[in-house]
Amino acid sequence: MNYPIRNIRLRRRSATEKRKRKPIPKIIIPSFFTLMNLFCGFISIILVSEGNLIFGAWLIVFAAMFDGMDGFMARLTNSSSEFGIELDSISDVVSFGVAPAFLLYTFVMHEMAIIGIILTSLIPVCGAIRLARFNVQTKEIRYDIYQGLPIPVQAVMMAAFFLTFHKRLEFFEPLNQGIISVLIPTLLILSFLMVSTIPFDKMPKFDRESFQTNRSRFILFFIYFVVILLFQDIGLILVFTFYIAKGLVFGLRAFWQTGRFQQQP
């Protein structure tokens, strides 16, 4: 026998349960990859402090992979948000600012004492400036290019530099200070490029419209992927050196064309 009061209670309970069963926010998916980026950067610092520089360097590379995935997943799930942008920037400062700086300092820059500290600190300092500017630009307008070298590119470049040359120090013996003679200008150039306004390619969006309009960029990024897969640490240096050189060439050409335009009567 059905009682009216019991039926009312059941309906109220089912209505309450429906209100409680909220769908999982889409933002959780890209945020997971962002936090994995941060986790890799944190573990990298710990491993480097314990003397395991090789795994620490590779974790910076893995952090960059997670950083690329969080942006891809945000676009795929249409869950881009200001929260995600800020969380990504905080994670990037750790994984691509502090972690590579600590790696380089522990590797050889500690030999320069206070000068080594100041030089390696340029990486997180310039990286933080780069990220703050990017966040402001993202809120104002969407760009098809990056203004300034992306901080993950700088970090992977530094990690790849260590992975490639830490067992090939004899290459730098003819120089006065060995590998430091090459590392310092490399560090300074990459730090400057991060805070510059030189244009660099963005990773293409993986959709039909982007493929039709930026087919050459897709092909180029596929070649990047194959080279890195085949040559690993050396491939990373080759790919990102070409990426940086390409940005510098286009930046110089744009600067020259702007100068010519302004000089015309």
C-alpha atoms as a PDB file:
ATOM      1  CA  MET A   1       0.000   0.000   0.000  1.00  0.00           C
ATOM      2  CA  ASN A   2       1.369   3.421  -0.990  1.00  0.00           C
ATOM      3  CA  TYR A   3       1.226   6.182   1.565  1.00  0.00           C
ATOM      4  CA  PRO A   4       1.063   9.803   0.321  1.00  0.00           C
ATOM      5  CA  ILE A   5       3.521  11.025   2.960  1.00  0.00           C
ATOM      6  CA  ARG A   6       6.060   8.357   1.996  1.00  0.00           C
ATOM      7  CA  ASN A   7       5.742   9.250  -1.701  1.00  0.00           C
ATOM      8  CA  ILE A   8       6.345  12.922  -0.914  1.00  0.00           C
ATOM      9  CA  ARG A   9       9.478  12.021   1.054  1.00  0.00           C
ATOM     10  CA  LEU A  10      10.782   9.846  -1.778  1.00  0.00           C
ATOM     11  CA  ARG A  11      10.223  12.618  -4.299  1.00  0.00           C
ATOM     12  CA  ARG A  12      12.020  15.097  -2.065  1.00  0.00           C
ATOM     13  CA  ARG A  13      14.930  12.687  -1.607  1.00  0.00           C
ATOM     14  CA  SER A  14      15.267  12.061  -5.355  1.00  0.00           C
ATOM     15  CA  ALA A  15      15.129  15.813  -6.047  1.00  0.00           C
ATOM     16  CA  THR A  16      17.847  16.407  -3.438  1.00  0.00           C
ATOM     17  CA  GLU A  17      20.029  13.676  -4.959  1.00  0.00           C
ATOM     18  CA  LYS A  18      19.656  15.216  -8.415  1.00  0.00           C
ATOM     19  CA  ARG A  19      20.787  18.567  -7.069  1.00  0.00           C
ATOM     20  CA  LYS A  20      23.809  16.942  -5.432  1.00  0.00           C
ATOM     21  CA  ARG A  21      24.861  15.024  -8.558  1.00  0.00           C
ATOM     22  CA  LYS A  22      26.498  17.843 -10.422  1.00  0.00           C
ATOM     23  CA  PRO A  23      28.554  17.073 -13.527  1.00  0.00           C
ATOM     24  CA  ILE A  24      32.328  17.126 -13.184  1.00  0.00           C
ATOM     25  CA  PRO A  25      33.622  20.541 -14.348  1.00  0.00           C
ATOM     26  CA  LYS A  26      35.463  20.382 -17.650  1.00  0.00           C
ATOM     27  CA  ILE A  27      38.242  22.551 -16.244  1.00  0.00           C
ATOM     28  CA  ILE A  28      39.466  19.574 -14.190  1.00  0.00           C
ATOM     29  CA  ILE A  29      40.827  17.859 -17.318  1.00  0.00           C
ATOM     30  CA  PRO A  30      43.341  20.528 -18.448  1.00  0.00           C
ATOM     31  CA  SER A  31      44.074  21.413 -14.809  1.00  0.00           C
ATOM     32  CA  PHE A  32      45.213  17.829 -14.202  1.00  0.00           C
ATOM     33  CA  PHE A  33      47.870  18.153 -16.911  1.00  0.00           C
ATOM     34  CA  THR A  34      48.884  21.566 -15.551  1.00  0.00           C
ATOM     35  CA  LEU A  35      49.393  20.091 -12.086  1.00  0.00           C
ATOM     36  CA  MET A  36      51.379  17.203 -13.584  1.00  0.00           C
ATOM     37  CA  ASN A  37      53.597  19.855 -15.160  1.00  0.00           C
ATOM     38  CA  LEU A  38      54.091  21.408 -11.704  1.00  0.00           C
ATOM     39  CA  PHE A  39      54.693  17.987 -10.148  1.00  0.00           C
ATOM     40  CA  CYS A  40      57.412  17.179 -12.702  1.00  0.00           C
ATOM     41  CA  GLY A  41      59.116  20.509 -12.014  1.00  0.00           C
ATOM     42  CA  PHE A  42      59.032  19.915  -8.257  1.00  0.00           C
ATOM     43  CA  ILE A  43      60.432  16.379  -8.541  1.00  0.00           C
ATOM     44  CA  SER A  44      63.099  17.682 -10.940  1.00  0.00           C
ATOM     45  CA  ILE A  45      64.332  20.110  -8.273  1.00  0.00           C
ATOM     46  CA  ILE A  46      64.422  17.337  -5.660  1.00  0.00           C
ATOM     47  CA  LEU A  47      66.336  14.939  -7.930  1.00  0.00           C
ATOM     48  CA  VAL A  48      68.871  17.595  -8.935  1.00  0.00           C
ATOM     49  CA  SER A  49      69.430  18.487  -5.271  1.00  0.00           C
ATOM     50  CA  GLU A  50      70.172  14.798  -4.632  1.00  0.00           C
ATOM     51  CA  GLY A  51      72.709  14.715  -7.473  1.00  0.00           C
ATOM     52  CA  ASN A  52      70.520  12.987 -10.077  1.00  0.00           C
ATOM     53  CA  LEU A  53      70.851  15.686 -12.725  1.00  0.00           C
ATOM     54  CA  ILE A  54      70.021  13.481 -15.727  1.00  0.00           C
ATOM     55  CA  PHE A  55      66.552  12.433 -14.516  1.00  0.00           C
ATOM     56  CA  GLY A  56      66.000  15.970 -13.263  1.00  0.00           C
ATOM     57  CA  ALA A  57      66.683  17.331 -16.752  1.00  0.00           C
ATOM     58  CA  TRP A  58      64.372  14.799 -18.396  1.00  0.00           C
ATOM     59  CA  LEU A  59      61.590  15.722 -15.979  1.00  0.00           C
ATOM     60  CA  ILE A  60      61.791  19.294 -17.284  1.00  0.00           C
ATOM     61  CA  VAL A  61      61.187  17.869 -20.760  1.00  0.00           C
ATOM     62  CA  PHE A  62      58.240  15.817 -19.457  1.00  0.00           C
ATOM     63  CA  ALA A  63      56.867  18.943 -17.771  1.00  0.00           C
ATOM     64  CA  ALA A  64      56.922  20.669 -21.167  1.00  0.00           C
ATOM     65  CA  MET A  65      54.954  17.766 -22.641  1.00  0.00           C
ATOM     66  CA  PHE A  66      52.292  18.114 -19.940  1.00  0.00           C
ATOM     67  CA  ASP A  67      52.269  21.878 -20.521  1.00  0.00           C
ATOM     68  CA  GLY A  68      51.504  21.305 -24.190  1.00  0.00           C
ATOM     69  CA  MET A  69      48.795  18.791 -23.304  1.00  0.00           C
ATOM     70  CA  ASP A  70      46.945  21.104 -20.917  1.00  0.00           C
ATOM     71  CA  GLY A  71      46.495  23.730 -23.626  1.00  0.00           C
ATOM     72  CA  PHE A  72      45.391  21.087 -26.118  1.00  0.00           C
ATOM     73  CA  MET A  73      42.871  19.594 -23.666  1.00  0.00           C
ATOM     74  CA  ALA A  74      41.536  23.048 -22.762  1.00  0.00           C
ATOM     75  CA  ARG A  75      40.810  23.737 -26.437  1.00  0.00           C
ATOM     76  CA  LEU A  76      39.444  20.227 -26.993  1.00  0.00           C
ATOM     77  CA  THR A  77      36.996  20.451 -24.078  1.00  0.00           C
ATOM     78  CA  ASN A  78      36.335  24.180 -24.586  1.00  0.00           C
ATOM     79  CA  SER A  79      37.273  24.797 -20.960  1.00  0.00           C
ATOM     80  CA  SER A  80      39.738  27.685 -21.163  1.00  0.00           C
ATOM     81  CA  SER A  81      39.423  29.984 -18.158  1.00  0.00           C
ATOM     82  CA  GLU A  82      41.268  32.672 -16.219  1.00  0.00           C
ATOM     83  CA  PHE A  83      41.800  30.134 -13.434  1.00  0.00           C
ATOM     84  CA  GLY A  84      43.532  27.791 -15.885  1.00  0.00           C
ATOM     85  CA  ILE A  85      45.713  30.607 -17.236  1.00  0.00           C
ATOM     86  CA  GLU A  86      46.870  31.628 -13.746  1.00  0.00           C
ATOM     87  CA  LEU A  87      47.451  28.028 -12.624  1.00  0.00           C
ATOM     88  CA  ASP A  88      49.454  27.369 -15.772  1.00  0.00           C
ATOM     89  CA  SER A  89      51.655  30.412 -15.162  1.00  0.00           C
ATOM     90  CA  ILE A  90      52.383  29.429 -11.555  1.00  0.00           C
ATOM     91  CA  SER A  91      53.313  25.918 -12.678  1.00  0.00           C
ATOM     92  CA  ASP A  92      55.494  27.258 -15.491  1.00  0.00           C
ATOM     93  CA  VAL A  93      57.511  29.478 -13.148  1.00  0.00           C
ATOM     94  CA  VAL A  94      58.438  26.388 -11.117  1.00  0.00           C
ATOM     95  CA  SER A  95      58.972  23.870 -13.926  1.00  0.00           C
ATOM     96  CA  PHE A  96      60.521  26.164 -16.546  1.00  0.00           C
ATOM     97  CA  GLY A  97      61.976  28.923 -14.394  1.00  0.00           C
ATOM     98  CA  VAL A  98      63.226  27.593 -11.062  1.00  0.00           C
ATOM     99  CA  ALA A  99      63.917  23.980 -12.138  1.00  0.00           C
ATOM    100  CA  PRO A 100      66.220  24.705 -15.138  1.00  0.00           C
ATOM    101  CA  ALA A 101      67.969  27.506 -13.226  1.00  0.00           C
ATOM    102  CA  PHE A 102      68.688  25.136 -10.338  1.00  0.00           C
ATOM    103  CA  LEU A 103      69.847  22.461 -12.806  1.00  0.00           C
ATOM    104  CA  LEU A 104      72.373  24.812 -14.425  1.00  0.00           C
ATOM    105  CA  TYR A 105      73.576  26.163 -11.091  1.00  0.00           C
ATOM    106  CA  THR A 106      74.136  22.651  -9.731  1.00  0.00           C
ATOM    107  CA  PHE A 107      75.784  21.538 -12.990  1.00  0.00           C
ATOM    108  CA  VAL A 108      78.560  24.132 -13.372  1.00  0.00           C
ATOM    109  CA  MET A 109      77.347  27.639 -12.558  1.00  0.00           C
ATOM    110  CA  HIS A 110      77.992  27.151  -8.819  1.00  0.00           C
ATOM    111  CA  GLU A 111      81.698  27.449  -9.675  1.00  0.00           C
ATOM    112  CA  MET A 112      81.133  31.188 -10.253  1.00  0.00           C
ATOM    113  CA  ALA A 113      79.723  31.735  -6.740  1.00  0.00           C
ATOM    114  CA  ILE A 114      77.544  34.875  -6.490  1.00  0.00           C
ATOM    115  CA  ILE A 115      77.884  35.625 -10.218  1.00  0.00           C
ATOM    116  CA  GLY A 116      76.542  32.163 -10.992  1.00  0.00           C
ATOM    117  CA  ILE A 117      73.556  32.789  -8.715  1.00  0.00           C
ATOM    118  CA  ILE A 118      72.782  36.125 -10.376  1.00  0.00           C
ATOM    119  CA  LEU A 119      73.099  34.730 -13.903  1.00  0.00           C
ATOM    120  CA  THR A 120      70.939  31.658 -13.294  1.00  0.00           C
ATOM    121  CA  SER A 121      68.330  33.807 -11.517  1.00  0.00           C
ATOM    122  CA  LEU A 122      67.712  35.545 -14.851  1.00  0.00           C
ATOM    123  CA  ILE A 123      65.846  32.443 -16.041  1.00  0.00           C
ATOM    124  CA  PRO A 124      62.998  32.549 -13.466  1.00  0.00           C
ATOM    125  CA  VAL A 125      62.985  36.373 -13.361  1.00  0.00           C
ATOM    126  CA  CYS A 126      62.687  36.846 -17.140  1.00  0.00           C
ATOM    127  CA  GLY A 127      60.345  33.860 -17.328  1.00  0.00           C
ATOM    128  CA  ALA A 128      57.994  35.409 -14.758  1.00  0.00           C
ATOM    129  CA  ILE A 129      57.969  38.701 -16.689  1.00  0.00           C
ATOM    130  CA  ARG A 130      57.241  36.795 -19.895  1.00  0.00           C
ATOM    131  CA  LEU A 131      54.331  34.909 -18.308  1.00  0.00           C
ATOM    132  CA  ALA A 132      52.826  38.035 -16.712  1.00  0.00           C
ATOM    133  CA  ARG A 133      52.889  39.831 -20.062  1.00  0.00           C
ATOM    134  CA  PHE A 134      51.365  36.800 -21.798  1.00  0.00           C
ATOM    135  CA  ASN A 135      48.494  36.681 -19.281  1.00  0.00           C
ATOM    136  CA  VAL A 136      47.693  40.360 -19.872  1.00  0.00           C
ATOM    137  CA  GLN A 137      47.811  39.915 -23.654  1.00  0.00           C
ATOM    138  CA  THR A 138      45.624  36.803 -23.487  1.00  0.00           C
ATOM    139  CA  LYS A 139      42.908  38.727 -21.641  1.00  0.00           C
ATOM    140  CA  GLU A 140      43.047  41.611 -24.115  1.00  0.00           C
ATOM    141  CA  ILE A 141      43.443  39.910 -27.504  1.00  0.00           C
ATOM    142  CA  ARG A 142      44.231  36.497 -28.998  1.00  0.00           C
ATOM    143  CA  TYR A 143      47.437  36.283 -31.003  1.00  0.00           C
ATOM    144  CA  ASP A 144      48.366  33.673 -33.610  1.00  0.00           C
ATOM    145  CA  ILE A 145      51.987  34.012 -32.534  1.00  0.00           C
ATOM    146  CA  TYR A 146      53.918  34.304 -29.299  1.00  0.00           C
ATOM    147  CA  GLN A 147      55.509  37.638 -28.492  1.00  0.00           C
ATOM    148  CA  GLY A 148      58.819  36.626 -26.986  1.00  0.00           C
ATOM    149  CA  LEU A 149      60.295  33.163 -26.598  1.00  0.00           C
ATOM    150  CA  PRO A 150      57.921  30.838 -24.702  1.00  0.00           C
ATOM    151  CA  ILE A 151      59.372  29.881 -21.323  1.00  0.00           C
ATOM    152  CA  PRO A 152      58.977  26.093 -21.941  1.00  0.00           C
ATOM    153  CA  VAL A 153      61.172  26.382 -25.062  1.00  0.00           C
ATOM    154  CA  GLN A 154      63.918  28.061 -23.032  1.00  0.00           C
ATOM    155  CA  ALA A 155      63.649  25.405 -20.308  1.00  0.00           C
ATOM    156  CA  VAL A 156      63.789  22.459 -22.703  1.00  0.00           C
ATOM    157  CA  MET A 157      66.705  24.102 -24.503  1.00  0.00           C
ATOM    158  CA  MET A 158      68.644  24.369 -21.228  1.00  0.00           C
ATOM    159  CA  ALA A 159      67.761  20.799 -20.231  1.00  0.00           C
ATOM    160  CA  ALA A 160      68.781  19.511 -23.673  1.00  0.00           C
ATOM    161  CA  PHE A 161      72.039  21.472 -23.461  1.00  0.00           C
ATOM    162  CA  PHE A 162      72.898  19.655 -20.247  1.00  0.00           C
ATOM    163  CA  LEU A 163      71.776  16.231 -21.512  1.00  0.00           C
ATOM    164  CA  THR A 164      73.806  16.598 -24.715  1.00  0.00           C
ATOM    165  CA  PHE A 165      77.038  18.021 -23.354  1.00  0.00           C
ATOM    166  CA  HIS A 166      77.433  16.829 -19.746  1.00  0.00           C
ATOM    167  CA  LYS A 167      79.405  13.819 -21.057  1.00  0.00           C
ATOM    168  CA  ARG A 168      81.103  15.781 -23.833  1.00  0.00           C
ATOM    169  CA  LEU A 169      82.923  18.401 -21.777  1.00  0.00           C
ATOM    170  CA  GLU A 170      86.108  17.775 -23.762  1.00  0.00           C
ATOM    171  CA  PHE A 171      84.524  19.690 -26.660  1.00  0.00           C
ATOM    172  CA  PHE A 172      84.872  22.882 -24.603  1.00  0.00           C
ATOM    173  CA  GLU A 173      88.389  22.340 -23.220  1.00  0.00           C
ATOM    174  CA  PRO A 174      90.015  24.807 -25.699  1.00  0.00           C
ATOM    175  CA  LEU A 175      87.869  27.600 -24.204  1.00  0.00           C
ATOM    176  CA  ASN A 176      89.097  29.556 -21.179  1.00  0.00           C
ATOM    177  CA  GLN A 177      86.300  28.493 -18.841  1.00  0.00           C
ATOM    178  CA  GLY A 178      85.236  25.343 -20.637  1.00  0.00           C
ATOM    179  CA  ILE A 179      81.519  24.779 -21.055  1.00  0.00           C
ATOM    180  CA  ILE A 180      80.714  27.875 -18.962  1.00  0.00           C
ATOM    181  CA  SER A 181      82.075  30.008 -21.819  1.00  0.00           C
ATOM    182  CA  VAL A 182      79.209  28.739 -24.000  1.00  0.00           C
ATOM    183  CA  LEU A 183      76.574  28.344 -21.299  1.00  0.00           C
ATOM    184  CA  ILE A 184      76.642  31.972 -20.121  1.00  0.00           C
ATOM    185  CA  PRO A 185      75.937  33.593 -23.535  1.00  0.00           C
ATOM    186  CA  THR A 186      73.307  30.916 -24.233  1.00  0.00           C
ATOM    187  CA  LEU A 187      71.601  31.680 -20.926  1.00  0.00           C
ATOM    188  CA  LEU A 188      71.731  35.443 -21.530  1.00  0.00           C
ATOM    189  CA  ILE A 189      70.372  35.168 -25.072  1.00  0.00           C
ATOM    190  CA  LEU A 190      67.464  32.915 -24.063  1.00  0.00           C
ATOM    191  CA  SER A 191      66.598  35.155 -21.102  1.00  0.00           C
ATOM    192  CA  PHE A 192      66.572  38.224 -23.366  1.00  0.00           C
ATOM    193  CA  LEU A 193      64.437  36.474 -25.977  1.00  0.00           C
ATOM    194  CA  MET A 194      61.795  35.657 -23.358  1.00  0.00           C
ATOM    195  CA  VAL A 195      61.220  39.333 -22.522  1.00  0.00           C
ATOM    196  CA  SER A 196      61.586  40.505 -26.128  1.00  0.00           C
ATOM    197  CA  THR A 197      58.693  41.060 -28.547  1.00  0.00           C
ATOM    198  CA  ILE A 198      60.187  38.878 -31.286  1.00  0.00           C
ATOM    199  CA  PRO A 199      57.442  36.712 -32.852  1.00  0.00           C
ATOM    200  CA  PHE A 200      57.589  32.935 -32.440  1.00  0.00           C
ATOM    201  CA  ASP A 201      55.245  30.290 -33.823  1.00  0.00           C
ATOM    202  CA  LYS A 202      52.445  28.932 -31.684  1.00  0.00           C
ATOM    203  CA  MET A 203      51.620  25.248 -31.676  1.00  0.00           C
ATOM    204  CA  PRO A 204      48.825  24.788 -34.250  1.00  0.00           C
ATOM    205  CA  LYS A 205      45.315  23.928 -33.122  1.00  0.00           C
ATOM    206  CA  PHE A 206      44.382  20.390 -34.076  1.00  0.00           C
ATOM    207  CA  ASP A 207      41.161  21.040 -35.969  1.00  0.00           C
ATOM    208  CA  ARG A 208      40.114  20.988 -39.618  1.00  0.00           C
ATOM    209  CA  GLU A 209      40.055  24.766 -40.057  1.00  0.00           C
ATOM    210  CA  SER A 210      43.552  25.207 -38.607  1.00  0.00           C
ATOM    211  CA  PHE A 211      44.899  22.386 -40.753  1.00  0.00           C
ATOM    212  CA  GLN A 212      43.548  23.997 -43.924  1.00  0.00           C
ATOM    213  CA  THR A 213      44.892  27.467 -43.106  1.00  0.00           C
ATOM    214  CA  ASN A 214      48.210  26.437 -41.478  1.00  0.00           C
ATOM    215  CA  ARG A 215      49.116  23.247 -43.306  1.00  0.00           C
ATOM    216  CA  SER A 216      52.801  24.175 -43.540  1.00  0.00           C
ATOM    217  CA  ARG A 217      52.952  24.762 -39.782  1.00  0.00           C
ATOM    218  CA  PHE A 218      51.444  21.319 -39.155  1.00  0.00           C
ATOM    219  CA  ILE A 219      54.043  19.710 -41.414  1.00  0.00           C
ATOM    220  CA  LEU A 220      56.856  21.601 -39.685  1.00  0.00           C
ATOM    221  CA  PHE A 221      55.705  20.564 -36.217  1.00  0.00           C
ATOM    222  CA  PHE A 222      55.421  16.958 -37.401  1.00  0.00           C
ATOM    223  CA  ILE A 223      59.040  17.132 -38.607  1.00  0.00           C
ATOM    224  CA  TYR A 224      60.010  18.558 -35.206  1.00  0.00           C
ATOM    225  CA  PHE A 225      58.343  15.599 -33.512  1.00  0.00           C
ATOM    226  CA  VAL A 226      60.090  13.021 -35.717  1.00  0.00           C
ATOM    227  CA  VAL A 227      63.527  14.615 -35.213  1.00  0.00           C
ATOM    228  CA  ILE A 228      63.074  14.665 -31.416  1.00  0.00           C
ATOM    229  CA  LEU A 229      61.843  11.072 -31.444  1.00  0.00           C
ATOM    230  CA  LEU A 230      64.843   9.880 -33.464  1.00  0.00           C
ATOM    231  CA  PHE A 231      67.651  11.905 -31.880  1.00  0.00           C
ATOM    232  CA  GLN A 232      66.249  12.612 -28.383  1.00  0.00           C
ATOM    233  CA  ASP A 233      68.465  15.135 -26.522  1.00  0.00           C
ATOM    234  CA  ILE A 234      70.402  16.149 -29.656  1.00  0.00           C
ATOM    235  CA  GLY A 235      67.105  16.320 -31.531  1.00  0.00           C
ATOM    236  CA  LEU A 236      65.738  18.703 -28.901  1.00  0.00           C
ATOM    237  CA  ILE A 237      68.671  21.064 -29.386  1.00  0.00           C
ATOM    238  CA  LEU A 238      68.403  20.883 -33.188  1.00  0.00           C
ATOM    239  CA  VAL A 239      64.645  21.480 -33.221  1.00  0.00           C
ATOM    240  CA  PHE A 240      64.595  24.363 -30.759  1.00  0.00           C
ATOM    241  CA  THR A 241      67.691  25.990 -32.253  1.00  0.00           C
ATOM    242  CA  PHE A 242      65.909  26.007 -35.614  1.00  0.00           C
ATOM    243  CA  TYR A 243      62.695  27.237 -33.942  1.00  0.00           C
ATOM    244  CA  ILE A 244      64.543  30.132 -32.301  1.00  0.00           C
ATOM    245  CA  ALA A 245      66.520  30.971 -35.457  1.00  0.00           C
ATOM    246  CA  LYS A 246      63.284  30.994 -37.475  1.00  0.00           C
ATOM    247  CA  GLY A 247      61.729  33.435 -35.017  1.00  0.00           C
ATOM    248  CA  LEU A 248      64.800  35.684 -35.143  1.00  0.00           C
ATOM    249  CA  VAL A 249      64.786  35.747 -38.951  1.00  0.00           C
ATOM    250  CA  PHE A 250      61.089  36.649 -39.116  1.00  0.00           C
ATOM    251  CA  GLY A 251      61.555  39.218 -36.350  1.00  0.00           C
ATOM    252  CA  LEU A 252      64.450  40.910 -38.149  1.00  0.00           C
ATOM    253  CA  ARG A 253      62.521  40.907 -41.415  1.00  0.00           C
ATOM    254  CA  ALA A 254      59.486  42.486 -39.739  1.00  0.00           C
ATOM    255  CA  PHE A 255      61.712  45.093 -38.067  1.00  0.00           C
ATOM    256  CA  TRP A 256      63.399  45.915 -41.385  1.00  0.00           C
ATOM    257  CA  GLN A 257      60.075  46.187 -43.225  1.00  0.00           C
ATOM    258  CA  THR A 258      58.663  48.438 -40.486  1.00  0.00           C
ATOM    259  CA  GLY A 259      61.732  50.674 -40.703  1.00  0.00           C
ATOM    260  CA  ARG A 260      61.413  50.945 -44.486  1.00  0.00           C
ATOM    261  CA  PHE A 261      57.711  51.806 -44.188  1.00  0.00           C
ATOM    262  CA  GLN A 262      58.392  54.564 -41.652  1.00  0.00           C
ATOM    263  CA  GLN A 263      61.151  56.065 -43.813  1.00  0.00           C
ATOM    264  CA  GLN A 264      58.877  56.414 -46.836  1.00  0.00           C
ATOM    265  CA  PRO A 265      57.664  60.033 -47.387  1.00  0.00           C
END
